[in-house]
Protein backbone atom coordinates (compact mmCIF):
# COMPACT_ATOMS: atom_id res chain seq x y z
CA UNK A 1 0.00 0.00 0.00
CA UNK A 2 1.35 3.41 -1.00
CA UNK A 3 1.70 5.77 1.98
CA UNK A 4 1.32 9.36 0.82
CA UNK A 5 2.88 11.02 3.88
CA UNK A 6 6.00 8.89 3.65
CA UNK A 7 6.33 9.65 -0.06
CA UNK A 8 6.14 13.38 0.71
CA UNK A 9 8.70 12.92 3.49
CA UNK A 10 11.10 11.19 1.10
CA UNK A 11 10.57 13.96 -1.47
CA UNK A 12 11.30 16.58 1.20
CA UNK A 13 14.41 14.69 2.29
CA UNK A 14 15.81 14.51 -1.27
CA UNK A 15 15.09 18.20 -1.87
CA UNK A 16 16.82 19.14 1.40
CA UNK A 17 19.87 17.06 0.42
CA UNK A 18 19.96 18.82 -2.94
CA UNK A 19 19.60 22.22 -1.23
CA UNK A 20 22.57 21.45 1.02
CA UNK A 21 24.72 20.60 -2.01
CA UNK A 22 24.76 24.04 -3.62
CA UNK A 23 27.21 23.13 -6.47
CA UNK A 24 24.95 20.26 -7.53
CA UNK A 25 21.84 22.46 -7.33
CA UNK A 26 23.52 25.24 -9.29
CA UNK A 27 24.71 22.92 -12.08
CA UNK A 28 21.29 21.24 -12.44
CA UNK A 29 19.76 24.57 -13.49
CA UNK A 30 22.78 26.06 -15.27
CA UNK A 31 23.56 23.05 -17.45
CA UNK A 32 20.32 22.96 -19.52
CA UNK A 33 20.51 26.72 -20.10
CA UNK A 34 24.06 26.38 -21.40
CA UNK A 35 23.16 23.44 -23.62
CA UNK A 36 20.18 25.09 -25.30
CA UNK A 37 22.19 28.27 -25.86
CA UNK A 38 25.15 26.42 -27.33
CA UNK A 39 23.00 24.21 -29.56
CA UNK A 40 20.93 27.17 -30.72
CA UNK A 41 23.77 29.56 -31.44
CA UNK A 42 26.34 26.96 -32.48
CA UNK A 43 24.75 24.13 -34.41
CA UNK A 44 22.04 26.43 -35.77
CA UNK A 45 24.34 29.33 -36.54
CA UNK A 46 25.74 30.54 -39.82
CA UNK A 47 29.39 30.97 -40.59
CA UNK A 48 30.27 34.63 -40.85
CA UNK A 49 33.00 37.10 -39.91
CA UNK A 50 35.72 34.84 -41.29
CA UNK A 51 39.01 36.77 -41.16
CA UNK A 52 40.44 37.46 -44.63
CA UNK A 53 43.07 39.72 -46.18
CA UNK A 54 42.70 41.37 -49.59
CA UNK A 55 45.66 42.01 -51.87
CA UNK A 56 45.14 45.18 -53.91
CA UNK A 57 47.69 45.57 -56.73
CA UNK A 58 45.91 48.32 -58.70
CA UNK A 59 43.80 51.38 -58.01
CA UNK A 60 40.63 52.62 -59.62
CA UNK A 61 36.83 52.47 -59.52
CA UNK A 62 36.57 48.71 -60.21
CA UNK A 63 38.98 47.89 -57.37
CA UNK A 64 37.12 50.24 -55.03
CA UNK A 65 33.76 48.70 -55.93
CA UNK A 66 35.16 45.19 -55.39
CA UNK A 67 36.56 46.11 -51.99
CA UNK A 68 33.23 47.67 -51.01
CA UNK A 69 31.40 44.49 -52.08
CA UNK A 70 33.75 42.31 -50.01
CA UNK A 71 33.50 44.55 -46.95
CA UNK A 72 29.72 44.64 -47.29
CA UNK A 73 29.32 40.87 -46.94
CA UNK A 74 28.81 39.38 -43.48
CA UNK A 75 30.95 36.36 -44.37
CA UNK A 76 34.15 38.39 -44.52
CA UNK A 77 35.98 40.15 -41.72
CA UNK A 78 38.61 42.06 -43.70
CA UNK A 79 41.62 42.30 -41.40
CA UNK A 80 43.82 44.24 -43.82
CA UNK A 81 44.21 45.46 -47.41
CA UNK A 82 47.81 45.06 -48.57
CA UNK A 83 49.77 45.05 -51.81
CA UNK A 84 52.14 42.09 -51.36
CA UNK A 85 50.71 38.63 -52.29
CA UNK A 86 53.54 36.81 -50.48
CA UNK A 87 52.78 38.68 -47.26
CA UNK A 88 49.13 37.69 -47.61
CA UNK A 89 50.05 34.02 -48.06
CA UNK A 90 52.19 34.20 -44.92
CA UNK A 91 49.20 35.58 -43.01
CA UNK A 92 47.17 32.53 -44.08
CA UNK A 93 50.01 30.18 -43.18
CA UNK A 94 50.45 31.77 -39.74
CA UNK A 95 46.73 31.45 -38.98
CA UNK A 96 46.08 35.20 -38.87
CA UNK A 97 43.40 34.88 -41.55
CA UNK A 98 41.41 32.08 -43.17
CA UNK A 99 42.01 33.24 -46.75
CA UNK A 100 43.74 35.80 -48.95
CA UNK A 101 41.81 37.27 -51.90
CA UNK A 102 44.42 38.37 -54.44
CA UNK A 103 43.39 40.88 -57.12
CA UNK A 104 45.77 40.99 -60.15
CA UNK A 105 47.77 44.03 -61.22
CA UNK A 106 45.67 44.41 -64.42
CA UNK A 107 42.37 44.33 -62.56
CA UNK A 108 41.37 47.83 -63.72
CA UNK A 109 42.08 47.22 -67.42
CA UNK A 110 38.63 46.27 -68.75
CA UNK A 111 39.73 46.78 -72.36
CA UNK A 112 42.26 43.95 -72.20
CA UNK A 113 41.38 40.78 -74.13
CA UNK A 114 43.01 38.67 -71.42
CA UNK A 115 40.89 37.43 -68.53
CA UNK A 116 42.02 38.58 -65.09
CA UNK A 117 43.27 35.92 -62.69
CA UNK A 118 41.65 36.52 -59.28
CA UNK A 119 43.02 34.03 -56.74
CA UNK A 120 41.73 32.94 -53.37
CA UNK A 121 44.48 31.41 -51.25
CA UNK A 122 42.68 29.50 -48.51
CA UNK A 123 43.65 27.66 -45.33
CA UNK A 124 42.14 24.30 -46.24
CA UNK A 125 42.91 22.80 -42.80
CA UNK A 126 39.68 24.48 -41.66
CA UNK A 127 37.52 22.38 -43.92
CA UNK A 128 34.17 23.92 -43.00
CA UNK A 129 35.40 27.49 -43.45
CA UNK A 130 36.88 26.51 -46.83
CA UNK A 131 33.59 24.98 -47.97
CA UNK A 132 31.88 28.27 -47.21
CA UNK A 133 34.51 30.73 -48.42
CA UNK A 134 35.26 29.24 -51.83
CA UNK A 135 31.75 29.10 -53.38
CA UNK A 136 30.66 32.44 -51.93
CA UNK A 137 33.81 34.19 -53.19
CA UNK A 138 33.47 32.51 -56.57
CA UNK A 139 29.85 33.67 -56.83
CA UNK A 140 30.89 37.22 -55.89
CA UNK A 141 33.51 37.42 -58.63
CA UNK A 142 31.17 35.80 -61.16
CA UNK A 143 28.81 38.69 -60.49
CA UNK A 144 31.64 41.21 -60.76
CA UNK A 145 32.81 39.54 -63.98
CA UNK A 146 29.30 39.90 -65.42
CA UNK A 147 29.25 43.59 -64.55
CA UNK A 148 32.67 44.10 -66.13
CA UNK A 149 31.51 42.19 -69.20
CA UNK A 150 28.49 44.51 -69.53
CA UNK A 151 30.83 47.49 -69.29
CA UNK A 152 32.90 45.99 -72.12
CA UNK A 153 29.80 45.45 -74.23
CA UNK A 154 28.77 49.07 -73.72
CA UNK A 155 32.24 50.21 -74.76
CA UNK A 156 32.21 47.92 -77.81
CA UNK A 157 28.72 49.11 -78.78
CA UNK A 158 29.85 52.70 -78.62
CA UNK A 159 32.84 51.86 -80.83
CA UNK A 160 30.72 50.08 -83.46
CA UNK A 161 28.26 52.97 -83.49
CA UNK A 162 31.11 55.33 -84.29
CA UNK A 163 32.85 52.86 -86.64
CA UNK A 164 30.59 50.05 -88.00
CA UNK A 165 33.52 48.33 -89.71
CA UNK A 166 34.98 47.44 -86.27
CA UNK A 167 32.08 45.08 -85.47
CA UNK A 168 33.87 42.02 -86.83
CA UNK A 169 36.93 42.74 -84.67
CA UNK A 170 35.03 42.39 -81.36
CA UNK A 171 36.04 39.29 -79.39
CA UNK A 172 32.84 38.38 -77.54
CA UNK A 173 34.53 35.48 -75.75
CA UNK A 174 36.94 37.88 -74.06
CA UNK A 175 33.96 39.98 -73.01
CA UNK A 176 32.16 37.11 -71.28
CA UNK A 177 35.33 35.63 -69.71
CA UNK A 178 36.43 38.76 -67.87
CA UNK A 179 37.62 37.11 -64.63
CA UNK A 180 39.35 33.74 -64.26
CA UNK A 181 38.74 32.68 -60.65
CA UNK A 182 41.48 30.45 -59.23
CA UNK A 183 41.46 28.46 -55.98
CA UNK A 184 44.68 27.56 -54.16
CA UNK A 185 44.26 25.33 -51.10
CA UNK A 186 47.31 25.71 -48.90
CA UNK A 187 47.16 22.19 -47.48
CA UNK A 188 45.45 20.47 -50.40
CA UNK A 189 42.04 18.83 -50.26
CA UNK A 190 41.27 17.94 -46.66
CA UNK A 191 38.24 15.78 -45.91
CA UNK A 192 35.92 16.56 -43.01
CA UNK A 193 37.07 13.40 -41.23
CA UNK A 194 40.67 14.71 -41.39
CA UNK A 195 39.48 17.99 -39.85
CA UNK A 196 37.44 16.16 -37.21
CA UNK A 197 39.87 13.46 -36.01
CA UNK A 198 42.42 15.66 -34.12
CA UNK A 199 39.66 17.42 -32.19
CA UNK A 200 37.80 14.17 -31.47
CA UNK A 201 41.02 12.71 -30.05
CA UNK A 202 41.51 15.76 -27.81
CA UNK A 203 37.83 15.60 -26.78
CA UNK A 204 38.11 11.90 -25.94
CA UNK A 205 41.20 12.51 -23.82
CA UNK A 206 39.41 15.35 -22.01
CA UNK A 207 36.24 13.37 -21.30
CA UNK A 208 38.14 10.23 -20.31
CA UNK A 209 40.52 12.07 -17.98
CA UNK A 210 37.86 14.16 -16.25
CA UNK A 211 35.22 11.45 -15.94
CA UNK A 212 37.66 8.87 -14.64
CA UNK A 213 38.88 11.24 -11.92
CA UNK A 214 35.37 11.22 -10.47
CA UNK A 215 35.59 7.48 -9.81
CA UNK A 216 39.26 7.61 -8.93
CA UNK A 217 39.11 10.27 -6.19
CA UNK A 218 35.51 11.25 -5.43
CA UNK A 219 34.32 7.65 -5.73
CA UNK A 220 37.08 6.31 -3.49
CA UNK A 221 36.39 9.05 -0.96
CA UNK A 222 32.67 8.19 -0.97
CA UNK A 223 33.44 4.48 -0.40
CA UNK A 224 35.90 5.27 2.38
CA UNK A 225 38.93 3.95 0.50
CA UNK A 226 40.81 7.26 0.70
CA UNK A 227 40.23 7.48 4.44
CA UNK A 228 41.76 4.04 4.91
CA UNK A 229 44.67 4.98 2.65
CA UNK A 230 45.40 8.11 4.68
CA UNK A 231 45.53 6.07 7.86
CA UNK A 232 48.88 4.90 6.52
CA UNK A 233 51.84 7.30 6.33
CA UNK A 234 50.92 8.44 2.81
CA UNK A 235 51.09 12.08 1.75
CA UNK A 236 48.60 13.94 -0.43
CA UNK A 237 51.34 14.44 -3.05
CA UNK A 238 51.88 10.67 -3.25
CA UNK A 239 48.19 9.96 -3.72
CA UNK A 240 47.82 12.68 -6.34
CA UNK A 241 51.00 11.54 -8.10
CA UNK A 242 49.75 7.97 -8.28
CA UNK A 243 46.41 9.06 -9.71
CA UNK A 244 48.17 11.22 -12.27
CA UNK A 245 50.34 8.37 -13.52
CA UNK A 246 47.50 5.87 -13.84
CA UNK A 247 45.16 8.27 -15.65
CA UNK A 248 48.01 9.48 -17.90
CA UNK A 249 48.88 5.97 -19.04
CA UNK A 250 45.25 5.02 -19.66
CA UNK A 251 44.22 8.18 -21.53
CA UNK A 252 47.36 8.36 -23.68
CA UNK A 253 46.90 4.69 -24.63
CA UNK A 254 43.27 5.38 -25.56
CA UNK A 255 44.30 8.32 -27.74
CA UNK A 256 46.91 6.22 -29.54
CA UNK A 257 44.31 3.54 -30.25
CA UNK A 258 42.07 6.25 -31.69
CA UNK A 259 44.83 7.49 -33.99
CA UNK A 260 45.59 3.97 -35.16
CA UNK A 261 41.90 3.30 -35.81
CA UNK A 262 41.51 6.55 -37.77
CA UNK A 263 44.53 5.66 -39.94
CA UNK A 264 43.22 2.15 -40.65
CA UNK A 265 39.54 2.97 -41.09
CA UNK A 266 39.61 6.41 -42.72
CA UNK A 267 43.11 6.53 -44.24
CA UNK A 268 44.01 9.78 -42.50
CA UNK A 269 47.59 10.96 -42.65
CA UNK A 270 49.61 12.80 -40.03
CA UNK A 271 51.50 15.55 -41.81
CA UNK A 272 53.72 16.41 -38.85
CA UNK A 273 55.82 14.58 -36.28
CA UNK A 274 54.28 11.55 -34.59
CA UNK A 275 56.52 12.19 -31.56
CA UNK A 276 55.14 15.73 -31.25
CA UNK A 277 51.60 14.38 -31.62
CA UNK A 278 52.15 11.94 -28.74
CA UNK A 279 53.67 14.74 -26.64
CA UNK A 280 50.55 16.87 -27.21
CA UNK A 281 48.31 13.96 -26.25
CA UNK A 282 50.23 13.46 -23.00
CA UNK A 283 50.09 17.20 -22.26
CA UNK A 284 46.35 17.30 -22.97
CA UNK A 285 45.72 14.29 -20.71
CA UNK A 286 47.85 15.84 -17.96
CA UNK A 287 45.95 19.12 -18.20
CA UNK A 288 42.51 17.55 -17.81
CA UNK A 289 43.65 15.10 -15.14
CA UNK A 290 44.73 18.21 -13.24
CA UNK A 291 41.31 19.75 -13.81
CA UNK A 292 39.67 16.60 -12.45
CA UNK A 293 41.89 16.63 -9.36
CA UNK A 294 41.09 20.31 -8.76
CA UNK A 295 37.33 19.68 -8.86
CA UNK A 296 37.40 16.42 -6.91
CA UNK A 297 39.66 17.87 -4.21
CA UNK A 298 36.71 19.02 -2.08
CA UNK A 299 33.65 17.05 -3.18
CA UNK A 300 32.39 14.24 -0.97
CA UNK A 301 30.52 12.10 -3.52
CA UNK A 302 30.91 10.97 -7.10
CA UNK A 303 27.50 12.41 -7.95
CA UNK A 304 28.60 15.85 -6.76
CA UNK A 305 31.72 15.57 -8.90
CA UNK A 306 29.78 14.70 -12.06
CA UNK A 307 27.30 17.53 -11.50
CA UNK A 308 30.13 20.01 -11.01
CA UNK A 309 32.13 19.12 -14.13
CA UNK A 310 29.22 18.82 -16.57
CA UNK A 311 28.79 22.63 -16.92
CA UNK A 312 32.48 22.72 -17.94
CA UNK A 313 32.89 19.63 -20.12
CA UNK A 314 29.81 19.89 -22.33
CA UNK A 315 30.16 23.60 -23.19
CA UNK A 316 33.83 23.04 -24.06
CA UNK A 317 32.69 20.54 -26.69
CA UNK A 318 30.82 23.31 -28.49
CA UNK A 319 32.88 26.45 -27.95
CA UNK A 320 36.30 24.91 -28.65
CA UNK A 321 35.87 24.31 -32.37
CA UNK A 322 35.56 20.52 -32.25
CA UNK A 323 32.73 20.12 -34.76
CA UNK A 324 32.41 23.52 -36.41
CA UNK A 325 34.39 26.80 -36.60
CA UNK A 326 34.32 29.27 -33.75
CA UNK A 327 33.04 31.87 -36.21
CA UNK A 328 29.55 30.34 -36.05
CA UNK A 329 29.28 31.31 -32.39
CA UNK A 330 28.17 34.66 -30.94
CA UNK A 331 31.09 36.88 -30.02
CA UNK A 332 30.73 36.17 -26.28
CA UNK A 333 31.20 32.42 -26.87
CA UNK A 334 34.14 33.11 -29.16
CA UNK A 335 35.79 35.01 -26.30
CA UNK A 336 34.99 32.24 -23.83
CA UNK A 337 36.68 29.76 -26.18
CA UNK A 338 40.04 31.31 -25.36
CA UNK A 339 39.75 30.41 -21.68
CA UNK A 340 38.95 26.77 -22.51
CA UNK A 341 41.99 24.44 -22.51
CA UNK A 342 40.38 22.24 -25.18
CA UNK A 343 40.60 25.11 -27.68
CA UNK A 344 44.40 25.10 -27.44
CA UNK A 345 44.62 21.30 -27.55
CA UNK A 346 42.50 21.24 -30.72
CA UNK A 347 44.53 23.99 -32.35
CA UNK A 348 47.86 22.35 -31.56
CA UNK A 349 46.82 18.86 -32.71
CA UNK A 350 45.30 20.17 -35.94
CA UNK A 351 48.42 22.22 -36.57
CA UNK A 352 50.67 19.17 -36.28
CA UNK A 353 48.41 16.52 -37.84
CA UNK A 354 46.95 18.58 -40.71
CA UNK A 355 49.50 21.32 -41.38
CA UNK A 356 52.74 19.59 -40.43
CA UNK A 357 53.73 22.35 -37.98
CA UNK A 358 56.60 21.93 -35.53
CA UNK A 359 56.93 22.88 -31.88
CA UNK A 360 58.07 26.40 -32.79
CA UNK A 361 54.83 27.05 -34.68
CA UNK A 362 52.52 25.93 -31.85
CA UNK A 363 54.51 27.17 -28.88
CA UNK A 364 51.69 29.49 -27.74
CA UNK A 365 49.26 26.56 -27.50
CA UNK A 366 51.85 24.49 -25.62
CA UNK A 367 52.65 27.29 -23.15
CA UNK A 368 48.95 27.92 -22.46
CA UNK A 369 48.30 24.20 -21.87
CA UNK A 370 51.30 24.04 -19.53
CA UNK A 371 49.97 27.09 -17.68
CA UNK A 372 46.52 25.54 -17.26
CA UNK A 373 48.11 22.27 -16.10
CA UNK A 374 50.24 23.99 -13.46
CA UNK A 375 47.27 26.04 -12.23
CA UNK A 376 44.97 23.01 -11.93
CA UNK A 377 47.51 20.90 -10.05
CA UNK A 378 48.49 23.67 -7.66
CA UNK A 379 44.85 24.40 -6.81
CA UNK A 380 44.06 20.68 -6.54
CA UNK A 381 46.89 19.92 -4.12
CA UNK A 382 46.26 23.03 -2.01
CA UNK A 383 42.51 22.43 -1.77
CA UNK A 384 42.72 18.66 -1.34
CA UNK A 385 40.78 17.61 1.75
CA UNK A 386 41.96 14.30 3.13
CA UNK A 387 39.48 14.39 5.99
CA UNK A 388 36.24 14.15 3.95
């Protein structure tokens, strides 16, 4: 027989327990708000404000109109207008911009019979940005080419009106083929799976390291195993060091299995050093193990631990550029991405695996990850409560 008063008492008891665990209560309400915001603005967003540089090698009304058209499109965030194509290519290579739009030196000469070679030099390692930039830019210059062709026809018509014998000399093919649009992909054709694998590996390491720390520390504390361990002459540093080593070995091994599987199943290639790739995997695992230790240092139950890390782990999946470019996110989420360690792990792994970069090219990512790792471990050891 169901006893209503006892059911209400049990409900009251569970609500009181939840009220006494403020971090768990806070995350229960914060987490769904974060998820709906990230899904709505991320997965449902459009790619815009992609940073580009424009190379202007001539001056005149056509160049000015082209620049105005580029600046007027939401897709482009024009970082600079320069005159040196090599400098623009270096900006793409260094990751300052996603693409360089290079206008030729004869861009203003509409009377020339030669088509003008407009080139887009694009960072193809960002596969989704490339898929958006190339067709939109091509469509823009097709429109501009049509307008230039009409201007040529008007000029030719005026000439034939003044001199009818010149009609046979008009080259209509040169009129219609005013612009020859060329695409140069810096890193060749990169499939979406190639773009996705480095970030999925970093994400797997993050989730594995952080979730396992809940069982490893918070779970053992809840079961009383840590209390029994600290009855022996064992220091906090020893316990933390042992947890670090075990999680590091497990998560690095998992990441290596993922790389091997991606090579066998999807034929991906690692353009850079395999040794550097493994180093980045170890550093990423170390960073998120440290985060797990920091969070689990004070919690008394595994459930509390899970509730506390969920508002961090799930948003990082969406704001760190794992599945789609950061440019699809509102500006506030783009800013938040730069305080998420996963952003730097993704960037470093993609740089090595897709672009073939060396340690000197990704040193900022490495330094930031080292900084996060040191911060997490220091806070974890200082805040570690061996009496709970």
